[in-house]
Amino acid sequence: MKYLGLLILLTMLAGCSGHLEEPAVSFGKKCAVTDKGQVNYSYIWIYNKADGLKADKETCEKIE
């Protein structure tokens, strides 16, 4: 049963990182503000290395 759960988890994680030509991962709390003014924050960011990560720690400090 453990193996089935692990297999499902790995499949979901692999599906989340698709469609990126140069994938990269960043750890640590970072925040980003969208064009509509919504705030996104996460401790794990999967992003395209060529485009760069638009979230940073400084944005989190401004929001608090």
PDB file of N, CA and C in Angstrom:
ATOM      1  N   MET A   1       0.818  -1.187   0.000  1.00  0.00           N
ATOM      2  CA  MET A   1       0.000   0.000   0.000  1.00  0.00           C
ATOM      3  C   MET A   1       0.871   1.264   0.000  1.00  0.00           C
ATOM      4  N   LYS A   2       2.020   1.200   0.734  1.00  0.00           N
ATOM      5  CA  LYS A   2       2.934   2.337   0.757  1.00  0.00           C
ATOM      6  C   LYS A   2       3.449   2.647  -0.644  1.00  0.00           C
ATOM      7  N   TYR A   3       3.739   1.599  -1.384  1.00  0.00           N
ATOM      8  CA  TYR A   3       4.298   1.786  -2.720  1.00  0.00           C
ATOM      9  C   TYR A   3       3.296   2.417  -3.673  1.00  0.00           C
ATOM     10  N   LEU A   4       2.036   2.068  -3.516  1.00  0.00           N
ATOM     11  CA  LEU A   4       0.997   2.657  -4.356  1.00  0.00           C
ATOM     12  C   LEU A   4       0.880   4.148  -4.075  1.00  0.00           C
ATOM     13  N   GLY A   5       0.895   4.528  -2.811  1.00  0.00           N
ATOM     14  CA  GLY A   5       0.844   5.939  -2.439  1.00  0.00           C
ATOM     15  C   GLY A   5       2.048   6.708  -2.953  1.00  0.00           C
ATOM     16  N   LEU A   6       3.215   6.120  -2.843  1.00  0.00           N
ATOM     17  CA  LEU A   6       4.433   6.749  -3.339  1.00  0.00           C
ATOM     18  C   LEU A   6       4.397   6.907  -4.853  1.00  0.00           C
ATOM     19  N   LEU A   7       3.898   5.914  -5.537  1.00  0.00           N
ATOM     20  CA  LEU A   7       3.781   5.976  -6.990  1.00  0.00           C
ATOM     21  C   LEU A   7       2.825   7.086  -7.422  1.00  0.00           C
ATOM     22  N   ILE A   8       1.716   7.217  -6.743  1.00  0.00           N
ATOM     23  CA  ILE A   8       0.749   8.281  -7.059  1.00  0.00           C
ATOM     24  C   ILE A   8       1.365   9.652  -6.791  1.00  0.00           C
ATOM     25  N   LEU A   9       2.067   9.801  -5.669  1.00  0.00           N
ATOM     26  CA  LEU A   9       2.708  11.071  -5.339  1.00  0.00           C
ATOM     27  C   LEU A   9       3.758  11.456  -6.378  1.00  0.00           C
ATOM     28  N   LEU A  10       4.590  10.524  -6.766  1.00  0.00           N
ATOM     29  CA  LEU A  10       5.621  10.808  -7.767  1.00  0.00           C
ATOM     30  C   LEU A  10       5.020  11.152  -9.121  1.00  0.00           C
ATOM     31  N   THR A  11       3.924  10.510  -9.475  1.00  0.00           N
ATOM     32  CA  THR A  11       3.244  10.811 -10.738  1.00  0.00           C
ATOM     33  C   THR A  11       2.685  12.232 -10.716  1.00  0.00           C
ATOM     34  N   MET A  12       2.110  12.626  -9.594  1.00  0.00           N
ATOM     35  CA  MET A  12       1.566  13.985  -9.481  1.00  0.00           C
ATOM     36  C   MET A  12       2.679  15.026  -9.555  1.00  0.00           C
ATOM     37  N   LEU A  13       3.789  14.784  -8.877  1.00  0.00           N
ATOM     38  CA  LEU A  13       4.901  15.730  -8.912  1.00  0.00           C
ATOM     39  C   LEU A  13       5.507  15.838 -10.303  1.00  0.00           C
ATOM     40  N   ALA A  14       5.602  14.729 -10.998  1.00  0.00           N
ATOM     41  CA  ALA A  14       6.132  14.759 -12.365  1.00  0.00           C
ATOM     42  C   ALA A  14       5.196  15.528 -13.290  1.00  0.00           C
ATOM     43  N   GLY A  15       3.911  15.429 -13.067  1.00  0.00           N
ATOM     44  CA  GLY A  15       2.939  16.150 -13.885  1.00  0.00           C
ATOM     45  C   GLY A  15       2.969  17.647 -13.646  1.00  0.00           C
ATOM     46  N   CYS A  16       3.339  18.075 -12.444  1.00  0.00           N
ATOM     47  CA  CYS A  16       3.376  19.503 -12.116  1.00  0.00           C
ATOM     48  C   CYS A  16       4.556  20.214 -12.768  1.00  0.00           C
ATOM     49  N   SER A  17       5.606  19.505 -13.076  1.00  0.00           N
ATOM     50  CA  SER A  17       6.803  20.158 -13.592  1.00  0.00           C
ATOM     51  C   SER A  17       6.907  20.076 -15.113  1.00  0.00           C
ATOM     52  N   GLY A  18       5.860  19.695 -15.782  1.00  0.00           N
ATOM     53  CA  GLY A  18       5.902  19.580 -17.237  1.00  0.00           C
ATOM     54  C   GLY A  18       5.835  20.924 -17.944  1.00  0.00           C
ATOM     55  N   HIS A  19       6.121  20.943 -19.191  1.00  0.00           N
ATOM     56  CA  HIS A  19       6.024  22.104 -20.068  1.00  0.00           C
ATOM     57  C   HIS A  19       7.055  23.182 -19.774  1.00  0.00           C
ATOM     58  N   LEU A  20       8.106  22.862 -19.056  1.00  0.00           N
ATOM     59  CA  LEU A  20       9.184  23.808 -18.819  1.00  0.00           C
ATOM     60  C   LEU A  20      10.409  23.339 -19.582  1.00  0.00           C
ATOM     61  N   GLU A  21      10.968  24.231 -20.387  1.00  0.00           N
ATOM     62  CA  GLU A  21      12.127  23.849 -21.188  1.00  0.00           C
ATOM     63  C   GLU A  21      13.372  23.683 -20.319  1.00  0.00           C
ATOM     64  N   GLU A  22      13.587  24.606 -19.393  1.00  0.00           N
ATOM     65  CA  GLU A  22      14.728  24.533 -18.479  1.00  0.00           C
ATOM     66  C   GLU A  22      14.199  24.645 -17.052  1.00  0.00           C
ATOM     67  N   PRO A  23      13.698  23.554 -16.480  1.00  0.00           N
ATOM     68  CA  PRO A  23      13.107  23.646 -15.146  1.00  0.00           C
ATOM     69  C   PRO A  23      14.148  23.910 -14.056  1.00  0.00           C
ATOM     70  N   ALA A  24      13.725  24.647 -13.047  1.00  0.00           N
ATOM     71  CA  ALA A  24      14.568  24.920 -11.889  1.00  0.00           C
ATOM     72  C   ALA A  24      13.675  24.926 -10.656  1.00  0.00           C
ATOM     73  N   VAL A  25      14.266  24.683  -9.508  1.00  0.00           N
ATOM     74  CA  VAL A  25      13.528  24.643  -8.249  1.00  0.00           C
ATOM     75  C   VAL A  25      14.193  25.597  -7.268  1.00  0.00           C
ATOM     76  N   SER A  26      13.375  26.336  -6.529  1.00  0.00           N
ATOM     77  CA  SER A  26      13.874  27.235  -5.504  1.00  0.00           C
ATOM     78  C   SER A  26      13.137  26.945  -4.206  1.00  0.00           C
ATOM     79  N   PHE A  27      13.874  26.908  -3.085  1.00  0.00           N
ATOM     80  CA  PHE A  27      13.290  26.629  -1.788  1.00  0.00           C
ATOM     81  C   PHE A  27      13.356  27.870  -0.907  1.00  0.00           C
ATOM     82  N   GLY A  28      12.416  27.987   0.009  1.00  0.00           N
ATOM     83  CA  GLY A  28      12.355  29.117   0.930  1.00  0.00           C
ATOM     84  C   GLY A  28      11.125  29.949   0.638  1.00  0.00           C
ATOM     85  N   LYS A  29      10.596  30.623   1.654  1.00  0.00           N
ATOM     86  CA  LYS A  29       9.383  31.417   1.465  1.00  0.00           C
ATOM     87  C   LYS A  29       9.663  32.612   0.569  1.00  0.00           C
ATOM     88  N   LYS A  30       8.915  32.695  -0.504  1.00  0.00           N
ATOM     89  CA  LYS A  30       9.016  33.804  -1.438  1.00  0.00           C
ATOM     90  C   LYS A  30       7.608  34.217  -1.840  1.00  0.00           C
ATOM     91  N   CYS A  31       7.437  35.486  -2.160  1.00  0.00           N
ATOM     92  CA  CYS A  31       6.120  36.012  -2.520  1.00  0.00           C
ATOM     93  C   CYS A  31       6.187  36.702  -3.878  1.00  0.00           C
ATOM     94  N   ALA A  32       5.064  36.704  -4.556  1.00  0.00           N
ATOM     95  CA  ALA A  32       4.940  37.399  -5.837  1.00  0.00           C
ATOM     96  C   ALA A  32       3.548  38.017  -5.898  1.00  0.00           C
ATOM     97  N   VAL A  33       3.452  39.177  -6.530  1.00  0.00           N
ATOM     98  CA  VAL A  33       2.170  39.851  -6.707  1.00  0.00           C
ATOM     99  C   VAL A  33       1.805  39.771  -8.179  1.00  0.00           C
ATOM    100  N   THR A  34       0.578  39.316  -8.473  1.00  0.00           N
ATOM    101  CA  THR A  34       0.128  39.184  -9.856  1.00  0.00           C
ATOM    102  C   THR A  34      -0.314  40.537 -10.402  1.00  0.00           C
ATOM    103  N   ASP A  35      -0.626  40.564 -11.681  1.00  0.00           N
ATOM    104  CA  ASP A  35      -1.096  41.796 -12.325  1.00  0.00           C
ATOM    105  C   ASP A  35      -2.416  42.277 -11.729  1.00  0.00           C
ATOM    106  N   LYS A  36      -3.214  41.360 -11.223  1.00  0.00           N
ATOM    107  CA  LYS A  36      -4.512  41.704 -10.637  1.00  0.00           C
ATOM    108  C   LYS A  36      -4.405  42.061  -9.161  1.00  0.00           C
ATOM    109  N   GLY A  37      -3.206  42.054  -8.606  1.00  0.00           N
ATOM    110  CA  GLY A  37      -2.998  42.426  -7.220  1.00  0.00           C
ATOM    111  C   GLY A  37      -3.070  41.285  -6.232  1.00  0.00           C
ATOM    112  N   GLN A  38      -3.210  40.060  -6.705  1.00  0.00           N
ATOM    113  CA  GLN A  38      -3.238  38.913  -5.805  1.00  0.00           C
ATOM    114  C   GLN A  38      -1.817  38.574  -5.362  1.00  0.00           C
ATOM    115  N   VAL A  39      -1.707  38.105  -4.124  1.00  0.00           N
ATOM    116  CA  VAL A  39      -0.414  37.730  -3.572  1.00  0.00           C
ATOM    117  C   VAL A  39      -0.287  36.214  -3.582  1.00  0.00           C
ATOM    118  N   ASN A  40       0.794  35.724  -4.162  1.00  0.00           N
ATOM    119  CA  ASN A  40       1.102  34.293  -4.159  1.00  0.00           C
ATOM    120  C   ASN A  40       2.347  34.090  -3.315  1.00  0.00           C
ATOM    121  N   TYR A  41       2.289  33.089  -2.426  1.00  0.00           N
ATOM    122  CA  TYR A  41       3.494  32.744  -1.682  1.00  0.00           C
ATOM    123  C   TYR A  41       3.613  31.235  -1.590  1.00  0.00           C
ATOM    124  N   SER A  42       4.863  30.794  -1.509  1.00  0.00           N
ATOM    125  CA  SER A  42       5.119  29.365  -1.442  1.00  0.00           C
ATOM    126  C   SER A  42       6.512  29.155  -0.867  1.00  0.00           C
ATOM    127  N   TYR A  43       6.752  27.950  -0.384  1.00  0.00           N
ATOM    128  CA  TYR A  43       8.066  27.578   0.114  1.00  0.00           C
ATOM    129  C   TYR A  43       8.852  26.779  -0.917  1.00  0.00           C
ATOM    130  N   ILE A  44       8.170  26.289  -1.961  1.00  0.00           N
ATOM    131  CA  ILE A  44       8.817  25.554  -3.045  1.00  0.00           C
ATOM    132  C   ILE A  44       8.302  26.135  -4.357  1.00  0.00           C
ATOM    133  N   TRP A  45       9.220  26.612  -5.208  1.00  0.00           N
ATOM    134  CA  TRP A  45       8.855  27.196  -6.492  1.00  0.00           C
ATOM    135  C   TRP A  45       9.487  26.387  -7.612  1.00  0.00           C
ATOM    136  N   ILE A  46       8.678  25.981  -8.584  1.00  0.00           N
ATOM    137  CA  ILE A  46       9.166  25.329  -9.803  1.00  0.00           C
ATOM    138  C   ILE A  46       8.955  26.335 -10.926  1.00  0.00           C
ATOM    139  N   TYR A  47      10.034  26.733 -11.587  1.00  0.00           N
ATOM    140  CA  TYR A  47       9.945  27.800 -12.578  1.00  0.00           C
ATOM    141  C   TYR A  47      10.874  27.519 -13.750  1.00  0.00           C
ATOM    142  N   ASN A  48      10.717  28.298 -14.818  1.00  0.00           N
ATOM    143  CA  ASN A  48      11.546  28.186 -16.007  1.00  0.00           C
ATOM    144  C   ASN A  48      12.825  28.987 -15.781  1.00  0.00           C
ATOM    145  N   LYS A  49      13.968  28.335 -15.867  1.00  0.00           N
ATOM    146  CA  LYS A  49      15.246  28.987 -15.600  1.00  0.00           C
ATOM    147  C   LYS A  49      15.515  30.138 -16.574  1.00  0.00           C
ATOM    148  N   ALA A  50      15.079  30.019 -17.811  1.00  0.00           N
ATOM    149  CA  ALA A  50      15.322  31.064 -18.800  1.00  0.00           C
ATOM    150  C   ALA A  50      14.550  32.343 -18.459  1.00  0.00           C
ATOM    151  N   ASP A  51      13.342  32.202 -17.922  1.00  0.00           N
ATOM    152  CA  ASP A  51      12.528  33.372 -17.571  1.00  0.00           C
ATOM    153  C   ASP A  51      12.890  33.945 -16.209  1.00  0.00           C
ATOM    154  N   GLY A  52      13.422  33.120 -15.340  1.00  0.00           N
ATOM    155  CA  GLY A  52      13.776  33.556 -13.995  1.00  0.00           C
ATOM    156  C   GLY A  52      12.588  33.498 -13.057  1.00  0.00           C
ATOM    157  N   LEU A  53      12.870  33.580 -11.785  1.00  0.00           N
ATOM    158  CA  LEU A  53      11.844  33.530 -10.753  1.00  0.00           C
ATOM    159  C   LEU A  53      11.420  34.951 -10.410  1.00  0.00           C
ATOM    160  N   LYS A  54      10.130  35.223 -10.521  1.00  0.00           N
ATOM    161  CA  LYS A  54       9.621  36.567 -10.272  1.00  0.00           C
ATOM    162  C   LYS A  54       9.259  36.789  -8.810  1.00  0.00           C
ATOM    163  N   ALA A  55       9.312  35.761  -7.998  1.00  0.00           N
ATOM    164  CA  ALA A  55       9.017  35.857  -6.570  1.00  0.00           C
ATOM    165  C   ALA A  55      10.313  36.069  -5.798  1.00  0.00           C
ATOM    166  N   ASP A  56      10.227  36.849  -4.690  1.00  0.00           N
ATOM    167  CA  ASP A  56      11.411  37.054  -3.865  1.00  0.00           C
ATOM    168  C   ASP A  56      11.020  37.305  -2.406  1.00  0.00           C
ATOM    169  N   LYS A  57      12.002  37.301  -1.540  1.00  0.00           N
ATOM    170  CA  LYS A  57      11.778  37.502  -0.105  1.00  0.00           C
ATOM    171  C   LYS A  57      11.389  38.931   0.211  1.00  0.00           C
ATOM    172  N   GLU A  58      11.903  39.901  -0.551  1.00  0.00           N
ATOM    173  CA  GLU A  58      11.627  41.296  -0.289  1.00  0.00           C
ATOM    174  C   GLU A  58      10.136  41.620  -0.440  1.00  0.00           C
ATOM    175  N   THR A  59       9.480  40.973  -1.391  1.00  0.00           N
ATOM    176  CA  THR A  59       8.046  41.185  -1.578  1.00  0.00           C
ATOM    177  C   THR A  59       7.282  40.708  -0.353  1.00  0.00           C
ATOM    178  N   CYS A  60       7.698  39.631   0.270  1.00  0.00           N
ATOM    179  CA  CYS A  60       7.054  39.130   1.484  1.00  0.00           C
ATOM    180  C   CYS A  60       7.171  40.142   2.608  1.00  0.00           C
ATOM    181  N   GLU A  61       8.334  40.784   2.726  1.00  0.00           N
ATOM    182  CA  GLU A  61       8.538  41.770   3.779  1.00  0.00           C
ATOM    183  C   GLU A  61       7.661  43.001   3.563  1.00  0.00           C
ATOM    184  N   LYS A  62       7.451  43.401   2.315  1.00  0.00           N
ATOM    185  CA  LYS A  62       6.594  44.567   2.014  1.00  0.00           C
ATOM    186  C   LYS A  62       5.137  44.271   2.352  1.00  0.00           C
ATOM    187  N   ILE A  63       4.722  43.023   2.162  1.00  0.00           N
ATOM    188  CA  ILE A  63       3.321  42.661   2.396  1.00  0.00           C
ATOM    189  C   ILE A  63       3.019  42.640   3.894  1.00  0.00           C
ATOM    190  N   GLU A  64       3.952  42.162   4.691  1.00  0.00           N
ATOM    191  CA  GLU A  64       3.721  42.056   6.137  1.00  0.00           C
ATOM    192  C   GLU A  64       3.718  43.401   6.719  1.00  0.00           C
TER     193      GLU A  64
END
